[in-house]
Amino acid sequence: MQTFEEFDFGADASIPTQQIRDLASCRFLERHASLIICGPVGAGKTHIARALGVEACRHGYPVLFTKTARLLRDLAGGHADGSWEQRFHAYLRPDVLILDDFAMQEFTSSQAEDLYQLVDERVGRSSLIVTSNRSPQDWYPLFPNPVLAESILDRLAGAAH
């Protein structure tokens, strides 16, 4: 379990310590806001996301943490065996869904559609925390359909901290 108590805020001066401490209050969850945490490898993105998840649990919010690739494999399995709806709804249930390592590689058409559905259903209703080594403007070429990319990024990045 990774918490803020064990996070070294002094390790990197570019980390917005005060903003992260404010997010740790979990007030953003009351507004169903989302977060995008971007930065280079080793910057502490996953630690911060997990620590926010721990804080959310401490405040009584159900949380699910998963690697984005794992979520996409799971949903692909649902397409294959007819259980997609059931699997998809499992990702809608928690008040906080943490997608780690988002946009690590190009998405297939099916993966992009699944992500669109997930973001569309969650934004404004529950919170989504996304970690990525790439900034959102660098995500566009990873989607096979530019309209779908714009729709996902508009919904996610437009309403995120």
N, C-alpha and C. Protein backbone atom coordinates (compact mmCIF):
# COMPACT_ATOMS: atom_id res chain seq x y z
N MET A 1 0.86 -1.18 0.00
CA MET A 1 0.00 0.00 0.00
C MET A 1 0.90 1.24 0.00
N GLN A 2 0.65 2.13 -0.92
CA GLN A 2 1.43 3.36 -1.01
C GLN A 2 0.59 4.51 -0.49
N THR A 3 1.15 5.27 0.44
CA THR A 3 0.43 6.37 1.07
C THR A 3 1.24 7.66 0.95
N PHE A 4 0.60 8.76 1.31
CA PHE A 4 1.31 10.03 1.30
C PHE A 4 2.29 10.12 2.46
N GLU A 5 2.04 9.37 3.52
CA GLU A 5 2.95 9.38 4.66
C GLU A 5 4.35 8.91 4.26
N GLU A 6 4.42 8.06 3.26
CA GLU A 6 5.72 7.53 2.84
C GLU A 6 6.22 8.13 1.52
N PHE A 7 5.52 9.15 1.00
CA PHE A 7 5.94 9.77 -0.26
C PHE A 7 6.93 10.89 0.04
N ASP A 8 8.02 10.95 -0.72
CA ASP A 8 9.05 11.97 -0.54
C ASP A 8 8.75 13.16 -1.46
N PHE A 9 8.04 14.14 -0.92
CA PHE A 9 7.69 15.32 -1.70
C PHE A 9 8.91 16.16 -2.04
N GLY A 10 9.98 16.01 -1.29
CA GLY A 10 11.19 16.79 -1.54
C GLY A 10 12.09 16.22 -2.62
N ALA A 11 11.77 15.04 -3.12
CA ALA A 11 12.64 14.37 -4.11
C ALA A 11 12.65 15.09 -5.45
N ASP A 12 11.58 15.80 -5.78
CA ASP A 12 11.49 16.48 -7.08
C ASP A 12 10.78 17.81 -6.86
N ALA A 13 11.50 18.90 -7.07
CA ALA A 13 10.95 20.24 -6.82
C ALA A 13 9.79 20.58 -7.77
N SER A 14 9.66 19.87 -8.90
CA SER A 14 8.59 20.18 -9.85
C SER A 14 7.24 19.58 -9.43
N ILE A 15 7.24 18.73 -8.42
CA ILE A 15 5.97 18.14 -7.96
C ILE A 15 5.15 19.23 -7.26
N PRO A 16 3.90 19.43 -7.70
CA PRO A 16 3.05 20.47 -7.08
C PRO A 16 2.52 20.00 -5.73
N THR A 17 3.38 20.09 -4.73
CA THR A 17 3.09 19.53 -3.40
C THR A 17 1.77 20.04 -2.83
N GLN A 18 1.56 21.36 -2.87
CA GLN A 18 0.34 21.91 -2.27
C GLN A 18 -0.91 21.42 -3.01
N GLN A 19 -0.85 21.34 -4.32
CA GLN A 19 -1.99 20.85 -5.10
C GLN A 19 -2.28 19.39 -4.74
N ILE A 20 -1.26 18.58 -4.61
CA ILE A 20 -1.46 17.17 -4.26
C ILE A 20 -2.03 17.04 -2.86
N ARG A 21 -1.52 17.82 -1.93
CA ARG A 21 -2.06 17.78 -0.56
C ARG A 21 -3.53 18.19 -0.55
N ASP A 22 -3.90 19.17 -1.39
CA ASP A 22 -5.29 19.58 -1.49
C ASP A 22 -6.14 18.44 -2.07
N LEU A 23 -5.63 17.78 -3.09
CA LEU A 23 -6.36 16.65 -3.68
C LEU A 23 -6.52 15.52 -2.67
N ALA A 24 -5.54 15.36 -1.77
CA ALA A 24 -5.61 14.30 -0.76
C ALA A 24 -6.77 14.52 0.23
N SER A 25 -7.33 15.72 0.25
CA SER A 25 -8.51 15.97 1.10
C SER A 25 -9.74 15.26 0.54
N CYS A 26 -9.66 14.87 -0.72
CA CYS A 26 -10.73 14.16 -1.44
C CYS A 26 -11.96 15.01 -1.72
N ARG A 27 -11.83 16.32 -1.62
CA ARG A 27 -12.97 17.18 -1.97
C ARG A 27 -13.33 17.05 -3.44
N PHE A 28 -12.34 16.73 -4.27
CA PHE A 28 -12.62 16.59 -5.71
C PHE A 28 -13.59 15.44 -5.97
N LEU A 29 -13.63 14.46 -5.05
CA LEU A 29 -14.54 13.33 -5.23
C LEU A 29 -16.00 13.74 -5.03
N GLU A 30 -16.23 14.72 -4.18
CA GLU A 30 -17.59 15.21 -3.97
C GLU A 30 -18.15 15.82 -5.25
N ARG A 31 -17.27 16.38 -6.07
CA ARG A 31 -17.67 17.00 -7.34
C ARG A 31 -17.58 16.02 -8.51
N HIS A 32 -17.21 14.77 -8.22
CA HIS A 32 -17.02 13.74 -9.25
C HIS A 32 -15.99 14.19 -10.29
N ALA A 33 -15.00 14.93 -9.84
CA ALA A 33 -13.95 15.41 -10.74
C ALA A 33 -12.95 14.29 -11.03
N SER A 34 -12.24 14.46 -12.12
CA SER A 34 -11.21 13.51 -12.50
C SER A 34 -9.84 14.16 -12.42
N LEU A 35 -8.81 13.32 -12.40
CA LEU A 35 -7.42 13.79 -12.33
C LEU A 35 -6.61 13.14 -13.43
N ILE A 36 -5.69 13.89 -13.99
CA ILE A 36 -4.71 13.34 -14.92
C ILE A 36 -3.34 13.66 -14.32
N ILE A 37 -2.58 12.62 -14.07
CA ILE A 37 -1.24 12.78 -13.49
C ILE A 37 -0.24 12.37 -14.56
N CYS A 38 0.51 13.35 -15.07
CA CYS A 38 1.47 13.10 -16.15
C CYS A 38 2.88 13.40 -15.66
N GLY A 39 3.81 12.69 -16.24
CA GLY A 39 5.21 12.95 -15.93
C GLY A 39 6.09 11.83 -16.41
N PRO A 40 7.39 12.03 -16.30
CA PRO A 40 8.33 11.01 -16.79
C PRO A 40 8.34 9.77 -15.90
N VAL A 41 8.94 8.72 -16.41
CA VAL A 41 9.10 7.49 -15.65
C VAL A 41 9.85 7.81 -14.36
N GLY A 42 9.37 7.26 -13.26
CA GLY A 42 10.05 7.42 -11.98
C GLY A 42 9.68 8.68 -11.21
N ALA A 43 8.73 9.45 -11.72
CA ALA A 43 8.35 10.71 -11.07
C ALA A 43 7.44 10.51 -9.86
N GLY A 44 6.87 9.33 -9.71
CA GLY A 44 5.99 9.07 -8.58
C GLY A 44 4.51 9.12 -8.91
N LYS A 45 4.17 9.07 -10.19
CA LYS A 45 2.76 9.15 -10.61
C LYS A 45 1.91 8.03 -10.01
N THR A 46 2.41 6.81 -10.12
CA THR A 46 1.64 5.67 -9.60
C THR A 46 1.53 5.76 -8.09
N HIS A 47 2.59 6.15 -7.41
CA HIS A 47 2.55 6.29 -5.95
C HIS A 47 1.50 7.32 -5.55
N ILE A 48 1.49 8.46 -6.24
CA ILE A 48 0.52 9.51 -5.93
C ILE A 48 -0.90 9.00 -6.20
N ALA A 49 -1.11 8.33 -7.32
CA ALA A 49 -2.45 7.81 -7.65
C ALA A 49 -2.91 6.80 -6.60
N ARG A 50 -2.01 5.89 -6.22
CA ARG A 50 -2.38 4.90 -5.19
C ARG A 50 -2.64 5.57 -3.85
N ALA A 51 -1.81 6.56 -3.51
CA ALA A 51 -2.01 7.26 -2.24
C ALA A 51 -3.34 8.01 -2.24
N LEU A 52 -3.72 8.59 -3.38
CA LEU A 52 -5.05 9.22 -3.47
C LEU A 52 -6.14 8.17 -3.32
N GLY A 53 -5.91 6.99 -3.87
CA GLY A 53 -6.87 5.90 -3.68
C GLY A 53 -7.00 5.50 -2.22
N VAL A 54 -5.89 5.44 -1.52
CA VAL A 54 -5.92 5.12 -0.08
C VAL A 54 -6.70 6.19 0.68
N GLU A 55 -6.44 7.46 0.35
CA GLU A 55 -7.17 8.55 1.01
C GLU A 55 -8.66 8.46 0.71
N ALA A 56 -9.01 8.13 -0.52
CA ALA A 56 -10.42 7.98 -0.88
C ALA A 56 -11.05 6.85 -0.06
N CYS A 57 -10.34 5.75 0.10
CA CYS A 57 -10.85 4.64 0.93
C CYS A 57 -11.04 5.10 2.38
N ARG A 58 -10.10 5.86 2.87
CA ARG A 58 -10.19 6.38 4.25
C ARG A 58 -11.42 7.28 4.42
N HIS A 59 -11.84 7.91 3.32
CA HIS A 59 -13.04 8.75 3.35
C HIS A 59 -14.30 7.96 3.01
N GLY A 60 -14.19 6.67 2.84
CA GLY A 60 -15.35 5.82 2.62
C GLY A 60 -15.74 5.61 1.17
N TYR A 61 -14.90 6.01 0.23
CA TYR A 61 -15.21 5.83 -1.19
C TYR A 61 -14.68 4.49 -1.69
N PRO A 62 -15.48 3.72 -2.41
CA PRO A 62 -14.97 2.51 -3.05
C PRO A 62 -14.00 2.89 -4.18
N VAL A 63 -12.88 2.19 -4.26
CA VAL A 63 -11.82 2.50 -5.23
C VAL A 63 -11.40 1.23 -5.95
N LEU A 64 -11.12 1.36 -7.25
CA LEU A 64 -10.54 0.26 -8.02
C LEU A 64 -9.31 0.79 -8.74
N PHE A 65 -8.18 0.12 -8.55
CA PHE A 65 -6.93 0.46 -9.22
C PHE A 65 -6.63 -0.64 -10.23
N THR A 66 -6.30 -0.25 -11.47
CA THR A 66 -5.90 -1.22 -12.48
C THR A 66 -4.98 -0.56 -13.49
N LYS A 67 -4.13 -1.36 -14.08
CA LYS A 67 -3.34 -0.91 -15.22
C LYS A 67 -4.30 -0.79 -16.39
N THR A 68 -4.13 0.21 -17.22
CA THR A 68 -5.00 0.40 -18.37
C THR A 68 -4.97 -0.81 -19.30
N ALA A 69 -3.79 -1.37 -19.51
CA ALA A 69 -3.67 -2.55 -20.38
C ALA A 69 -4.48 -3.72 -19.83
N ARG A 70 -4.50 -3.88 -18.53
CA ARG A 70 -5.27 -4.97 -17.91
C ARG A 70 -6.77 -4.76 -18.13
N LEU A 71 -7.23 -3.53 -17.94
CA LEU A 71 -8.65 -3.21 -18.18
C LEU A 71 -9.02 -3.52 -19.62
N LEU A 72 -8.18 -3.10 -20.56
CA LEU A 72 -8.48 -3.33 -21.98
C LEU A 72 -8.47 -4.82 -22.33
N ARG A 73 -7.55 -5.59 -21.74
CA ARG A 73 -7.56 -7.05 -21.96
C ARG A 73 -8.83 -7.67 -21.40
N ASP A 74 -9.24 -7.21 -20.22
CA ASP A 74 -10.45 -7.74 -19.59
C ASP A 74 -11.68 -7.46 -20.46
N LEU A 75 -11.79 -6.24 -20.93
CA LEU A 75 -12.94 -5.90 -21.78
C LEU A 75 -12.90 -6.64 -23.11
N ALA A 76 -11.70 -6.84 -23.65
CA ALA A 76 -11.58 -7.64 -24.89
C ALA A 76 -12.05 -9.06 -24.65
N GLY A 77 -11.73 -9.62 -23.49
CA GLY A 77 -12.22 -10.95 -23.13
C GLY A 77 -13.74 -10.96 -23.06
N GLY A 78 -14.32 -9.86 -22.59
CA GLY A 78 -15.77 -9.75 -22.54
C GLY A 78 -16.41 -9.72 -23.92
N HIS A 79 -15.73 -9.07 -24.86
CA HIS A 79 -16.23 -9.09 -26.24
C HIS A 79 -16.19 -10.52 -26.78
N ALA A 80 -15.15 -11.25 -26.42
CA ALA A 80 -14.96 -12.61 -26.95
C ALA A 80 -15.95 -13.60 -26.38
N ASP A 81 -16.28 -13.47 -25.09
CA ASP A 81 -17.13 -14.49 -24.47
C ASP A 81 -18.55 -14.01 -24.15
N GLY A 82 -18.89 -12.79 -24.59
CA GLY A 82 -20.24 -12.29 -24.39
C GLY A 82 -20.51 -11.69 -23.02
N SER A 83 -19.47 -11.48 -22.22
CA SER A 83 -19.66 -10.93 -20.87
C SER A 83 -19.23 -9.46 -20.78
N TRP A 84 -19.15 -8.78 -21.91
CA TRP A 84 -18.65 -7.41 -21.92
C TRP A 84 -19.45 -6.49 -21.00
N GLU A 85 -20.79 -6.53 -21.09
CA GLU A 85 -21.64 -5.66 -20.26
C GLU A 85 -21.33 -5.83 -18.78
N GLN A 86 -21.25 -7.07 -18.35
CA GLN A 86 -20.97 -7.37 -16.94
C GLN A 86 -19.60 -6.83 -16.54
N ARG A 87 -18.60 -7.09 -17.37
CA ARG A 87 -17.25 -6.62 -17.08
C ARG A 87 -17.19 -5.09 -17.09
N PHE A 88 -17.83 -4.49 -18.07
CA PHE A 88 -17.84 -3.03 -18.20
C PHE A 88 -18.45 -2.39 -16.96
N HIS A 89 -19.56 -2.92 -16.50
CA HIS A 89 -20.24 -2.34 -15.34
C HIS A 89 -19.41 -2.46 -14.07
N ALA A 90 -18.53 -3.44 -14.00
CA ALA A 90 -17.63 -3.56 -12.85
C ALA A 90 -16.69 -2.35 -12.77
N TYR A 91 -16.37 -1.74 -13.91
CA TYR A 91 -15.51 -0.56 -13.93
C TYR A 91 -16.29 0.73 -13.69
N LEU A 92 -17.60 0.65 -13.75
CA LEU A 92 -18.44 1.82 -13.46
C LEU A 92 -18.81 1.90 -11.97
N ARG A 93 -18.78 0.77 -11.28
CA ARG A 93 -19.25 0.70 -9.90
C ARG A 93 -18.48 1.56 -8.90
N PRO A 94 -17.15 1.49 -8.86
CA PRO A 94 -16.45 2.23 -7.81
C PRO A 94 -16.58 3.75 -7.99
N ASP A 95 -16.58 4.47 -6.88
CA ASP A 95 -16.61 5.92 -6.95
C ASP A 95 -15.33 6.48 -7.56
N VAL A 96 -14.23 5.73 -7.40
CA VAL A 96 -12.94 6.15 -7.95
C VAL A 96 -12.35 4.99 -8.74
N LEU A 97 -12.07 5.23 -10.01
CA LEU A 97 -11.37 4.26 -10.85
C LEU A 97 -10.02 4.86 -11.19
N ILE A 98 -8.96 4.14 -10.86
CA ILE A 98 -7.61 4.59 -11.16
C ILE A 98 -7.07 3.77 -12.32
N LEU A 99 -6.77 4.45 -13.43
CA LEU A 99 -6.18 3.80 -14.61
C LEU A 99 -4.71 4.19 -14.67
N ASP A 100 -3.86 3.24 -14.36
CA ASP A 100 -2.42 3.47 -14.35
C ASP A 100 -1.83 3.18 -15.73
N ASP A 101 -0.81 3.93 -16.10
CA ASP A 101 -0.10 3.73 -17.37
C ASP A 101 -1.02 3.86 -18.58
N PHE A 102 -1.79 4.93 -18.60
CA PHE A 102 -2.68 5.22 -19.73
C PHE A 102 -1.84 5.70 -20.90
N ALA A 103 -2.23 5.34 -22.11
CA ALA A 103 -1.61 5.82 -23.35
C ALA A 103 -0.15 5.39 -23.48
N MET A 104 0.13 4.15 -23.11
CA MET A 104 1.48 3.63 -23.26
C MET A 104 1.76 3.19 -24.70
N GLN A 105 0.69 2.83 -25.42
CA GLN A 105 0.85 2.38 -26.80
C GLN A 105 -0.42 2.71 -27.58
N GLU A 106 -0.38 2.50 -28.88
CA GLU A 106 -1.55 2.78 -29.71
C GLU A 106 -2.72 1.88 -29.33
N PHE A 107 -3.92 2.43 -29.46
CA PHE A 107 -5.13 1.69 -29.15
C PHE A 107 -5.72 1.12 -30.44
N THR A 108 -6.31 -0.06 -30.34
CA THR A 108 -7.07 -0.61 -31.46
C THR A 108 -8.42 0.12 -31.50
N SER A 109 -9.15 -0.09 -32.57
CA SER A 109 -10.48 0.53 -32.67
C SER A 109 -11.39 0.07 -31.54
N SER A 110 -11.36 -1.20 -31.22
CA SER A 110 -12.19 -1.74 -30.14
C SER A 110 -11.78 -1.16 -28.79
N GLN A 111 -10.48 -1.06 -28.54
CA GLN A 111 -10.00 -0.49 -27.27
C GLN A 111 -10.41 0.98 -27.16
N ALA A 112 -10.27 1.72 -28.25
CA ALA A 112 -10.65 3.13 -28.24
C ALA A 112 -12.14 3.30 -27.97
N GLU A 113 -12.95 2.45 -28.57
CA GLU A 113 -14.40 2.51 -28.33
C GLU A 113 -14.71 2.18 -26.87
N ASP A 114 -14.04 1.15 -26.32
CA ASP A 114 -14.25 0.80 -24.91
C ASP A 114 -13.86 1.96 -23.99
N LEU A 115 -12.74 2.60 -24.29
CA LEU A 115 -12.30 3.74 -23.47
C LEU A 115 -13.28 4.90 -23.57
N TYR A 116 -13.77 5.15 -24.78
CA TYR A 116 -14.76 6.21 -24.95
C TYR A 116 -15.99 5.93 -24.10
N GLN A 117 -16.50 4.70 -24.19
CA GLN A 117 -17.69 4.33 -23.40
C GLN A 117 -17.43 4.52 -21.90
N LEU A 118 -16.27 4.09 -21.45
CA LEU A 118 -15.93 4.18 -20.03
C LEU A 118 -15.83 5.63 -19.58
N VAL A 119 -15.10 6.43 -20.31
CA VAL A 119 -14.95 7.84 -19.95
C VAL A 119 -16.29 8.55 -20.02
N ASP A 120 -17.05 8.31 -21.06
CA ASP A 120 -18.36 8.94 -21.22
C ASP A 120 -19.30 8.61 -20.07
N GLU A 121 -19.29 7.38 -19.63
CA GLU A 121 -20.18 6.95 -18.53
C GLU A 121 -19.72 7.48 -17.17
N ARG A 122 -18.41 7.62 -16.98
CA ARG A 122 -17.90 7.99 -15.66
C ARG A 122 -17.80 9.50 -15.43
N VAL A 123 -17.41 10.24 -16.45
CA VAL A 123 -17.16 11.67 -16.25
C VAL A 123 -18.43 12.38 -15.79
N GLY A 124 -18.29 13.10 -14.70
CA GLY A 124 -19.41 13.84 -14.12
C GLY A 124 -20.27 13.02 -13.17
N ARG A 125 -20.10 11.70 -13.16
CA ARG A 125 -20.88 10.81 -12.29
C ARG A 125 -20.03 10.20 -11.20
N SER A 126 -18.75 9.98 -11.52
CA SER A 126 -17.81 9.41 -10.57
C SER A 126 -16.42 9.86 -11.01
N SER A 127 -15.43 9.60 -10.18
CA SER A 127 -14.09 10.12 -10.46
C SER A 127 -13.21 9.10 -11.16
N LEU A 128 -12.33 9.63 -11.97
CA LEU A 128 -11.36 8.83 -12.71
C LEU A 128 -10.00 9.47 -12.49
N ILE A 129 -9.03 8.67 -12.09
CA ILE A 129 -7.65 9.13 -11.95
C ILE A 129 -6.83 8.38 -12.99
N VAL A 130 -6.13 9.13 -13.82
CA VAL A 130 -5.35 8.55 -14.91
C VAL A 130 -3.89 8.96 -14.72
N THR A 131 -2.98 7.98 -14.82
CA THR A 131 -1.55 8.31 -14.84
C THR A 131 -1.02 8.02 -16.24
N SER A 132 -0.09 8.86 -16.68
CA SER A 132 0.47 8.67 -18.02
C SER A 132 1.86 9.28 -18.10
N ASN A 133 2.70 8.64 -18.90
CA ASN A 133 4.02 9.19 -19.18
C ASN A 133 3.93 10.27 -20.26
N ARG A 134 2.79 10.37 -20.91
CA ARG A 134 2.59 11.34 -21.99
C ARG A 134 1.56 12.38 -21.54
N SER A 135 1.72 13.58 -22.02
CA SER A 135 0.71 14.60 -21.73
C SER A 135 -0.49 14.37 -22.64
N PRO A 136 -1.67 14.82 -22.24
CA PRO A 136 -2.88 14.55 -23.03
C PRO A 136 -2.78 14.96 -24.50
N GLN A 137 -2.10 16.04 -24.83
CA GLN A 137 -2.00 16.44 -26.24
C GLN A 137 -1.21 15.42 -27.05
N ASP A 138 -0.41 14.59 -26.39
CA ASP A 138 0.35 13.54 -27.09
C ASP A 138 -0.44 12.24 -27.23
N TRP A 139 -1.68 12.21 -26.73
CA TRP A 139 -2.50 11.00 -26.81
C TRP A 139 -3.20 10.88 -28.16
N TYR A 140 -3.46 11.98 -28.84
CA TYR A 140 -4.25 11.96 -30.08
C TYR A 140 -3.79 10.92 -31.09
N PRO A 141 -2.49 10.86 -31.41
CA PRO A 141 -2.07 9.91 -32.45
C PRO A 141 -2.20 8.44 -32.03
N LEU A 142 -2.46 8.18 -30.77
CA LEU A 142 -2.59 6.80 -30.30
C LEU A 142 -3.96 6.21 -30.61
N PHE A 143 -4.90 7.05 -30.98
CA PHE A 143 -6.26 6.61 -31.28
C PHE A 143 -6.43 6.48 -32.79
N PRO A 144 -7.04 5.38 -33.27
CA PRO A 144 -7.19 5.18 -34.71
C PRO A 144 -8.21 6.12 -35.34
N ASN A 145 -9.11 6.67 -34.55
CA ASN A 145 -10.16 7.53 -35.07
C ASN A 145 -10.01 8.90 -34.40
N PRO A 146 -9.66 9.94 -35.15
CA PRO A 146 -9.44 11.26 -34.55
C PRO A 146 -10.68 11.85 -33.88
N VAL A 147 -11.85 11.53 -34.38
CA VAL A 147 -13.08 12.03 -33.76
C VAL A 147 -13.28 11.40 -32.40
N LEU A 148 -13.02 10.10 -32.31
CA LEU A 148 -13.12 9.40 -31.03
C LEU A 148 -12.07 9.93 -30.06
N ALA A 149 -10.87 10.16 -30.54
CA ALA A 149 -9.81 10.72 -29.70
C ALA A 149 -10.23 12.07 -29.14
N GLU A 150 -10.76 12.92 -30.00
CA GLU A 150 -11.20 14.24 -29.56
C GLU A 150 -12.32 14.13 -28.53
N SER A 151 -13.24 13.21 -28.73
CA SER A 151 -14.35 13.03 -27.80
C SER A 151 -13.87 12.55 -26.44
N ILE A 152 -12.96 11.59 -26.44
CA ILE A 152 -12.43 11.07 -25.17
C ILE A 152 -11.66 12.17 -24.44
N LEU A 153 -10.78 12.84 -25.16
CA LEU A 153 -9.95 13.86 -24.52
C LEU A 153 -10.76 15.06 -24.08
N ASP A 154 -11.78 15.41 -24.84
CA ASP A 154 -12.65 16.52 -24.44
C ASP A 154 -13.35 16.20 -23.12
N ARG A 155 -13.87 14.98 -23.01
CA ARG A 155 -14.59 14.60 -21.80
C ARG A 155 -13.64 14.44 -20.61
N LEU A 156 -12.51 13.80 -20.85
CA LEU A 156 -11.59 13.51 -19.76
C LEU A 156 -10.75 14.72 -19.38
N ALA A 157 -10.00 15.24 -20.32
CA ALA A 157 -9.09 16.35 -20.00
C ALA A 157 -9.84 17.65 -19.75
N GLY A 158 -10.98 17.81 -20.38
CA GLY A 158 -11.75 19.05 -20.21
C GLY A 158 -12.29 19.24 -18.81
N ALA A 159 -12.47 18.17 -18.08
CA ALA A 159 -13.06 18.26 -16.75
C ALA A 159 -12.12 17.73 -15.66
N ALA A 160 -10.84 17.69 -15.95
CA ALA A 160 -9.89 17.08 -15.00
C ALA A 160 -8.96 18.11 -14.39
N HIS A 161 -8.47 17.75 -13.21
CA HIS A 161 -7.38 18.51 -12.57
C HIS A 161 -6.10 18.04 -13.19
